[in-house]
C-alpha atoms as a PDB file:
ATOM      1  CA  UNK A   1      18.589   9.877  10.331  1.00  0.00           C
ATOM      2  CA  UNK A   2      15.945   7.890  12.716  1.00  0.00           C
ATOM      3  CA  UNK A   3      13.028   6.001  10.369  1.00  0.00           C
ATOM      4  CA  UNK A   4       9.399   5.556  12.792  1.00  0.00           C
ATOM      5  CA  UNK A   5       7.157   3.382  11.805  1.00  0.00           C
ATOM      6  CA  UNK A   6       3.437   3.983  13.339  1.00  0.00           C
ATOM      7  CA  UNK A   7       0.610   0.806  13.660  1.00  0.00           C
ATOM      8  CA  UNK A   8      -1.825   2.001  11.259  1.00  0.00           C
ATOM      9  CA  UNK A   9      -5.157   2.438  13.334  1.00  0.00           C
ATOM     10  CA  UNK A  10      -8.926   2.156  12.610  1.00  0.00           C
ATOM     11  CA  UNK A  11      -9.730   4.930  15.285  1.00  0.00           C
ATOM     12  CA  UNK A  12      -8.389   8.740  14.708  1.00  0.00           C
ATOM     13  CA  UNK A  13      -7.554   8.372  17.982  1.00  0.00           C
ATOM     14  CA  UNK A  14      -4.556   7.520  19.892  1.00  0.00           C
ATOM     15  CA  UNK A  15      -4.248   3.937  20.992  1.00  0.00           C
ATOM     16  CA  UNK A  16      -4.872   3.830  25.248  1.00  0.00           C
ATOM     17  CA  UNK A  17      -4.229   0.584  26.963  1.00  0.00           C
ATOM     18  CA  UNK A  18      -8.000   1.344  28.697  1.00  0.00           C
ATOM     19  CA  UNK A  19     -10.201   1.114  25.324  1.00  0.00           C
ATOM     20  CA  UNK A  20      -8.359  -1.615  23.431  1.00  0.00           C
ATOM     21  CA  UNK A  21     -10.868  -4.003  24.105  1.00  0.00           C
ATOM     22  CA  UNK A  22     -13.667  -1.942  23.468  1.00  0.00           C
ATOM     23  CA  UNK A  23     -11.824  -1.189  19.860  1.00  0.00           C
ATOM     24  CA  UNK A  24     -11.052  -4.676  19.142  1.00  0.00           C
ATOM     25  CA  UNK A  25     -14.918  -5.567  19.740  1.00  0.00           C
ATOM     26  CA  UNK A  26     -16.394  -2.355  17.911  1.00  0.00           C
ATOM     27  CA  UNK A  27     -13.696  -4.040  14.967  1.00  0.00           C
ATOM     28  CA  UNK A  28     -14.984  -7.795  15.193  1.00  0.00           C
ATOM     29  CA  UNK A  29     -19.060  -6.136  15.299  1.00  0.00           C
ATOM     30  CA  UNK A  30     -18.190  -3.975  12.455  1.00  0.00           C
ATOM     31  CA  UNK A  31     -15.652  -5.686   9.796  1.00  0.00           C
ATOM     32  CA  UNK A  32     -17.289  -5.822   7.280  1.00  0.00           C
ATOM     33  CA  UNK A  33     -18.357  -2.036   6.925  1.00  0.00           C
ATOM     34  CA  UNK A  34     -15.106  -1.040   7.302  1.00  0.00           C
ATOM     35  CA  UNK A  35     -13.969  -3.124   4.171  1.00  0.00           C
ATOM     36  CA  UNK A  36     -16.985  -1.682   2.223  1.00  0.00           C
ATOM     37  CA  UNK A  37     -15.133   1.115   1.636  1.00  0.00           C
ATOM     38  CA  UNK A  38     -11.822   1.392   0.614  1.00  0.00           C
ATOM     39  CA  UNK A  39     -11.001   5.008   0.416  1.00  0.00           C
ATOM     40  CA  UNK A  40     -12.396   5.663   3.972  1.00  0.00           C
ATOM     41  CA  UNK A  41      -9.229   7.363   5.461  1.00  0.00           C
ATOM     42  CA  UNK A  42     -10.875   6.410   9.381  1.00  0.00           C
ATOM     43  CA  UNK A  43     -13.640   5.397  11.976  1.00  0.00           C
ATOM     44  CA  UNK A  44     -15.385   8.497  11.178  1.00  0.00           C
ATOM     45  CA  UNK A  45     -16.227   8.487   7.655  1.00  0.00           C
ATOM     46  CA  UNK A  46     -17.108   4.979   8.066  1.00  0.00           C
ATOM     47  CA  UNK A  47     -19.691   5.018  11.459  1.00  0.00           C
ATOM     48  CA  UNK A  48     -21.152   8.467  12.661  1.00  0.00           C
ATOM     49  CA  UNK A  49     -22.770   6.334  15.207  1.00  0.00           C
ATOM     50  CA  UNK A  50     -19.351   5.948  16.760  1.00  0.00           C
ATOM     51  CA  UNK A  51     -18.353   9.496  16.016  1.00  0.00           C
ATOM     52  CA  UNK A  52     -21.189  10.514  18.086  1.00  0.00           C
ATOM     53  CA  UNK A  53     -20.732   8.474  21.234  1.00  0.00           C
ATOM     54  CA  UNK A  54     -17.349   9.752  21.264  1.00  0.00           C
ATOM     55  CA  UNK A  55     -18.595  13.208  21.050  1.00  0.00           C
ATOM     56  CA  UNK A  56     -21.003  12.291  23.967  1.00  0.00           C
ATOM     57  CA  UNK A  57     -17.957  10.823  26.085  1.00  0.00           C
ATOM     58  CA  UNK A  58     -16.314  14.066  24.999  1.00  0.00           C
ATOM     59  CA  UNK A  59     -19.754  16.498  26.680  1.00  0.00           C
ATOM     60  CA  UNK A  60     -19.968  13.799  29.761  1.00  0.00           C
ATOM     61  CA  UNK A  61     -16.213  14.702  30.405  1.00  0.00           C
ATOM     62  CA  UNK A  62     -16.276  18.585  30.018  1.00  0.00           C
ATOM     63  CA  UNK A  63     -14.410  18.664  26.882  1.00  0.00           C
ATOM     64  CA  UNK A  64     -16.735  20.764  24.829  1.00  0.00           C
ATOM     65  CA  UNK A  65     -14.755  21.825  21.532  1.00  0.00           C
ATOM     66  CA  UNK A  66     -13.569  17.797  21.409  1.00  0.00           C
ATOM     67  CA  UNK A  67     -17.462  17.532  21.660  1.00  0.00           C
ATOM     68  CA  UNK A  68     -18.192  20.194  19.012  1.00  0.00           C
ATOM     69  CA  UNK A  69     -15.455  18.462  17.075  1.00  0.00           C
ATOM     70  CA  UNK A  70     -16.581  14.994  16.763  1.00  0.00           C
ATOM     71  CA  UNK A  71     -20.017  16.193  16.255  1.00  0.00           C
ATOM     72  CA  UNK A  72     -19.729  18.067  13.297  1.00  0.00           C
ATOM     73  CA  UNK A  73     -16.727  16.393  11.719  1.00  0.00           C
END
């Protein structure tokens, strides 16, 4: 049996090297809000503005279903 451990992430998306600094900056700016709701599972439950921005990114890339999912989460 192989045991696999994953590093916990604030964001619901997979980690990407190209977005690492952007995510760290966001966490640094919003750290006080992240600790305010210990039952929140991910960033989409903590910051709807971030989720809207993610939807906008999907839309610009032509991923319309991804955008719909982000906007309606």
